[in-house]
Amino acid sequence: MNTEKVRLNITLPKDLVALLNKMAGPRQRNRFIADSLKERIAGMEKVELQKKMKEGYKATAKEGLEVTKEFKAADLEGWDEY
């Protein structure tokens, strides 16, 4: 990950800052916020990927069923032996 830093000026609700100070500990707010953002972004990217995969599966479902039907006889070949 890039170690270059950028200073931001953000505004947060007072109660949220109090919780941040309590949870992060002294002089650890930057790291806590950065880690929280990474986690949130990773979660959002995962949701987006799952959405795209679902759309892809739906788009190819018909094709998959057609291929399955086409090879049905070959798939069942030899099963009588078991």
N, C-alpha and C. Protein backbone atom coordinates (compact mmCIF):
# COMPACT_ATOMS: atom_id res chain seq x y z
N MET A 1 0.84 -1.18 0.00
CA MET A 1 0.00 0.00 0.00
C MET A 1 0.89 1.24 0.00
N ASN A 2 0.43 2.28 -0.63
CA ASN A 2 1.16 3.54 -0.70
C ASN A 2 1.25 4.15 0.70
N THR A 3 2.44 4.57 1.09
CA THR A 3 2.63 5.14 2.43
C THR A 3 2.57 6.66 2.42
N GLU A 4 2.37 7.24 1.25
CA GLU A 4 2.24 8.70 1.19
C GLU A 4 0.96 9.13 1.89
N LYS A 5 1.06 10.16 2.70
CA LYS A 5 -0.08 10.61 3.50
C LYS A 5 -0.70 11.87 2.90
N VAL A 6 -2.01 12.03 3.14
CA VAL A 6 -2.75 13.21 2.74
C VAL A 6 -3.53 13.69 3.95
N ARG A 7 -3.44 14.95 4.25
CA ARG A 7 -4.16 15.51 5.40
C ARG A 7 -5.57 15.87 4.96
N LEU A 8 -6.54 15.45 5.78
CA LEU A 8 -7.94 15.77 5.53
C LEU A 8 -8.50 16.57 6.70
N ASN A 9 -9.45 17.40 6.39
CA ASN A 9 -10.19 18.11 7.43
C ASN A 9 -11.62 17.63 7.32
N ILE A 10 -12.06 16.83 8.31
CA ILE A 10 -13.41 16.27 8.26
C ILE A 10 -14.20 16.74 9.47
N THR A 11 -15.51 16.67 9.34
CA THR A 11 -16.41 17.04 10.42
C THR A 11 -17.21 15.81 10.82
N LEU A 12 -17.19 15.50 12.11
CA LEU A 12 -17.91 14.33 12.63
C LEU A 12 -18.79 14.76 13.79
N PRO A 13 -19.87 14.02 14.03
CA PRO A 13 -20.70 14.31 15.19
C PRO A 13 -19.89 14.16 16.49
N LYS A 14 -20.19 15.00 17.45
CA LYS A 14 -19.45 15.04 18.71
C LYS A 14 -19.45 13.69 19.43
N ASP A 15 -20.62 13.02 19.46
CA ASP A 15 -20.69 11.73 20.14
C ASP A 15 -19.87 10.66 19.44
N LEU A 16 -19.76 10.75 18.13
CA LEU A 16 -18.94 9.81 17.39
C LEU A 16 -17.45 10.03 17.69
N VAL A 17 -17.04 11.27 17.81
CA VAL A 17 -15.65 11.59 18.16
C VAL A 17 -15.34 11.07 19.56
N ALA A 18 -16.29 11.19 20.47
CA ALA A 18 -16.07 10.68 21.83
C ALA A 18 -15.87 9.16 21.80
N LEU A 19 -16.67 8.47 21.02
CA LEU A 19 -16.51 7.02 20.88
C LEU A 19 -15.18 6.67 20.21
N LEU A 20 -14.82 7.44 19.20
CA LEU A 20 -13.54 7.23 18.52
C LEU A 20 -12.39 7.36 19.51
N ASN A 21 -12.40 8.41 20.30
CA ASN A 21 -11.34 8.62 21.28
C ASN A 21 -11.29 7.47 22.29
N LYS A 22 -12.45 7.01 22.71
CA LYS A 22 -12.53 5.92 23.68
C LYS A 22 -12.00 4.61 23.09
N MET A 23 -12.39 4.31 21.85
CA MET A 23 -12.04 3.04 21.22
C MET A 23 -10.61 3.02 20.67
N ALA A 24 -10.17 4.12 20.10
CA ALA A 24 -8.88 4.16 19.43
C ALA A 24 -7.73 4.34 20.41
N GLY A 25 -7.97 5.01 21.48
CA GLY A 25 -6.90 5.28 22.43
C GLY A 25 -6.13 6.53 22.03
N PRO A 26 -5.25 6.97 22.91
CA PRO A 26 -4.52 8.21 22.65
C PRO A 26 -3.63 8.11 21.41
N ARG A 27 -3.69 9.10 20.60
CA ARG A 27 -2.84 9.28 19.42
C ARG A 27 -2.96 8.13 18.40
N GLN A 28 -4.11 7.50 18.38
CA GLN A 28 -4.31 6.39 17.44
C GLN A 28 -5.52 6.59 16.53
N ARG A 29 -6.09 7.79 16.54
CA ARG A 29 -7.29 8.04 15.74
C ARG A 29 -7.05 7.85 14.25
N ASN A 30 -5.95 8.36 13.74
CA ASN A 30 -5.67 8.23 12.31
C ASN A 30 -5.66 6.77 11.87
N ARG A 31 -4.94 5.94 12.63
CA ARG A 31 -4.85 4.52 12.28
C ARG A 31 -6.23 3.86 12.37
N PHE A 32 -6.97 4.18 13.42
CA PHE A 32 -8.30 3.61 13.61
C PHE A 32 -9.22 3.97 12.44
N ILE A 33 -9.21 5.23 12.06
CA ILE A 33 -10.06 5.69 10.95
C ILE A 33 -9.62 5.03 9.65
N ALA A 34 -8.31 4.98 9.40
CA ALA A 34 -7.81 4.36 8.17
C ALA A 34 -8.19 2.88 8.11
N ASP A 35 -8.00 2.17 9.21
CA ASP A 35 -8.36 0.75 9.24
C ASP A 35 -9.86 0.55 9.04
N SER A 36 -10.65 1.42 9.66
CA SER A 36 -12.11 1.33 9.51
C SER A 36 -12.54 1.57 8.07
N LEU A 37 -11.92 2.55 7.43
CA LEU A 37 -12.24 2.84 6.03
C LEU A 37 -11.84 1.68 5.13
N LYS A 38 -10.68 1.09 5.37
CA LYS A 38 -10.25 -0.06 4.57
C LYS A 38 -11.24 -1.20 4.68
N GLU A 39 -11.67 -1.46 5.92
CA GLU A 39 -12.63 -2.54 6.15
C GLU A 39 -13.96 -2.26 5.46
N ARG A 40 -14.44 -1.05 5.58
CA ARG A 40 -15.72 -0.67 4.96
C ARG A 40 -15.64 -0.76 3.44
N ILE A 41 -14.55 -0.26 2.86
CA ILE A 41 -14.37 -0.29 1.41
C ILE A 41 -14.26 -1.72 0.91
N ALA A 42 -13.52 -2.56 1.63
CA ALA A 42 -13.40 -3.97 1.24
C ALA A 42 -14.77 -4.64 1.25
N GLY A 43 -15.59 -4.34 2.24
CA GLY A 43 -16.94 -4.90 2.31
C GLY A 43 -17.80 -4.44 1.14
N MET A 44 -17.69 -3.17 0.80
CA MET A 44 -18.46 -2.64 -0.32
C MET A 44 -18.00 -3.26 -1.64
N GLU A 45 -16.70 -3.46 -1.79
CA GLU A 45 -16.18 -4.09 -3.01
C GLU A 45 -16.64 -5.53 -3.11
N LYS A 46 -16.70 -6.22 -1.98
CA LYS A 46 -17.17 -7.61 -1.97
C LYS A 46 -18.63 -7.68 -2.39
N VAL A 47 -19.45 -6.79 -1.86
CA VAL A 47 -20.88 -6.75 -2.23
C VAL A 47 -21.03 -6.47 -3.73
N GLU A 48 -20.24 -5.54 -4.24
CA GLU A 48 -20.30 -5.19 -5.67
C GLU A 48 -19.88 -6.39 -6.53
N LEU A 49 -18.83 -7.10 -6.12
CA LEU A 49 -18.39 -8.28 -6.86
C LEU A 49 -19.47 -9.36 -6.85
N GLN A 50 -20.08 -9.58 -5.69
CA GLN A 50 -21.15 -10.58 -5.61
C GLN A 50 -22.33 -10.20 -6.51
N LYS A 51 -22.63 -8.92 -6.58
CA LYS A 51 -23.71 -8.44 -7.44
C LYS A 51 -23.39 -8.72 -8.91
N LYS A 52 -22.16 -8.44 -9.30
CA LYS A 52 -21.75 -8.68 -10.69
C LYS A 52 -21.74 -10.17 -11.01
N MET A 53 -21.30 -10.99 -10.05
CA MET A 53 -21.30 -12.43 -10.28
C MET A 53 -22.72 -12.95 -10.44
N LYS A 54 -23.63 -12.47 -9.60
CA LYS A 54 -25.03 -12.89 -9.69
C LYS A 54 -25.61 -12.53 -11.05
N GLU A 55 -25.33 -11.30 -11.51
CA GLU A 55 -25.80 -10.86 -12.82
C GLU A 55 -25.21 -11.73 -13.93
N GLY A 56 -23.94 -12.08 -13.79
CA GLY A 56 -23.28 -12.93 -14.79
C GLY A 56 -23.88 -14.32 -14.84
N TYR A 57 -24.14 -14.89 -13.67
CA TYR A 57 -24.75 -16.21 -13.62
C TYR A 57 -26.14 -16.19 -14.24
N LYS A 58 -26.91 -15.15 -13.95
CA LYS A 58 -28.24 -15.03 -14.53
C LYS A 58 -28.16 -14.91 -16.05
N ALA A 59 -27.18 -14.14 -16.52
CA ALA A 59 -27.04 -13.91 -17.96
C ALA A 59 -26.65 -15.19 -18.70
N THR A 60 -25.92 -16.09 -18.05
CA THR A 60 -25.48 -17.31 -18.73
C THR A 60 -26.27 -18.55 -18.31
N ALA A 61 -27.31 -18.38 -17.51
CA ALA A 61 -28.09 -19.52 -17.02
C ALA A 61 -28.71 -20.32 -18.17
N LYS A 62 -29.30 -19.63 -19.12
CA LYS A 62 -29.96 -20.32 -20.25
C LYS A 62 -28.94 -21.12 -21.03
N GLU A 63 -27.80 -20.52 -21.29
CA GLU A 63 -26.73 -21.21 -22.03
C GLU A 63 -26.26 -22.45 -21.26
N GLY A 64 -26.12 -22.32 -19.95
CA GLY A 64 -25.70 -23.44 -19.12
C GLY A 64 -26.69 -24.59 -19.16
N LEU A 65 -27.97 -24.26 -19.11
CA LEU A 65 -29.00 -25.31 -19.19
C LEU A 65 -28.98 -26.01 -20.55
N GLU A 66 -28.75 -25.26 -21.61
CA GLU A 66 -28.69 -25.85 -22.95
C GLU A 66 -27.51 -26.80 -23.06
N VAL A 67 -26.38 -26.43 -22.53
CA VAL A 67 -25.20 -27.29 -22.56
C VAL A 67 -25.45 -28.54 -21.73
N THR A 68 -26.09 -28.39 -20.58
CA THR A 68 -26.40 -29.53 -19.73
C THR A 68 -27.31 -30.51 -20.45
N LYS A 69 -28.33 -29.99 -21.12
CA LYS A 69 -29.25 -30.86 -21.87
C LYS A 69 -28.51 -31.57 -23.00
N GLU A 70 -27.61 -30.87 -23.66
CA GLU A 70 -26.88 -31.42 -24.79
C GLU A 70 -26.01 -32.61 -24.36
N PHE A 71 -25.45 -32.56 -23.17
CA PHE A 71 -24.56 -33.62 -22.72
C PHE A 71 -25.21 -34.56 -21.71
N LYS A 72 -26.53 -34.51 -21.57
CA LYS A 72 -27.24 -35.33 -20.60
C LYS A 72 -26.97 -36.81 -20.83
N ALA A 73 -27.04 -37.25 -22.06
CA ALA A 73 -26.82 -38.67 -22.36
C ALA A 73 -25.40 -39.09 -21.97
N ALA A 74 -24.43 -38.27 -22.26
CA ALA A 74 -23.04 -38.60 -21.93
C ALA A 74 -22.83 -38.59 -20.42
N ASP A 75 -23.49 -37.69 -19.73
CA ASP A 75 -23.35 -37.62 -18.27
C ASP A 75 -23.89 -38.88 -17.59
N LEU A 76 -24.97 -39.43 -18.14
CA LEU A 76 -25.59 -40.60 -17.53
C LEU A 76 -24.97 -41.91 -17.98
N GLU A 77 -24.13 -41.86 -19.00
CA GLU A 77 -23.51 -43.04 -19.56
C GLU A 77 -22.67 -43.77 -18.51
N GLY A 78 -22.92 -45.04 -18.35
CA GLY A 78 -22.13 -45.84 -17.41
C GLY A 78 -22.66 -45.87 -15.99
N TRP A 79 -23.70 -45.12 -15.69
CA TRP A 79 -24.20 -45.07 -14.32
C TRP A 79 -24.95 -46.35 -13.94
N ASP A 80 -25.42 -47.09 -14.92
CA ASP A 80 -26.13 -48.34 -14.61
C ASP A 80 -25.20 -49.36 -13.94
N GLU A 81 -23.91 -49.22 -14.14
CA GLU A 81 -22.93 -50.16 -13.59
C GLU A 81 -22.82 -50.00 -12.07
N TYR A 82 -23.25 -48.90 -11.53
CA TYR A 82 -23.08 -48.68 -10.08
C TYR A 82 -24.28 -49.07 -9.36
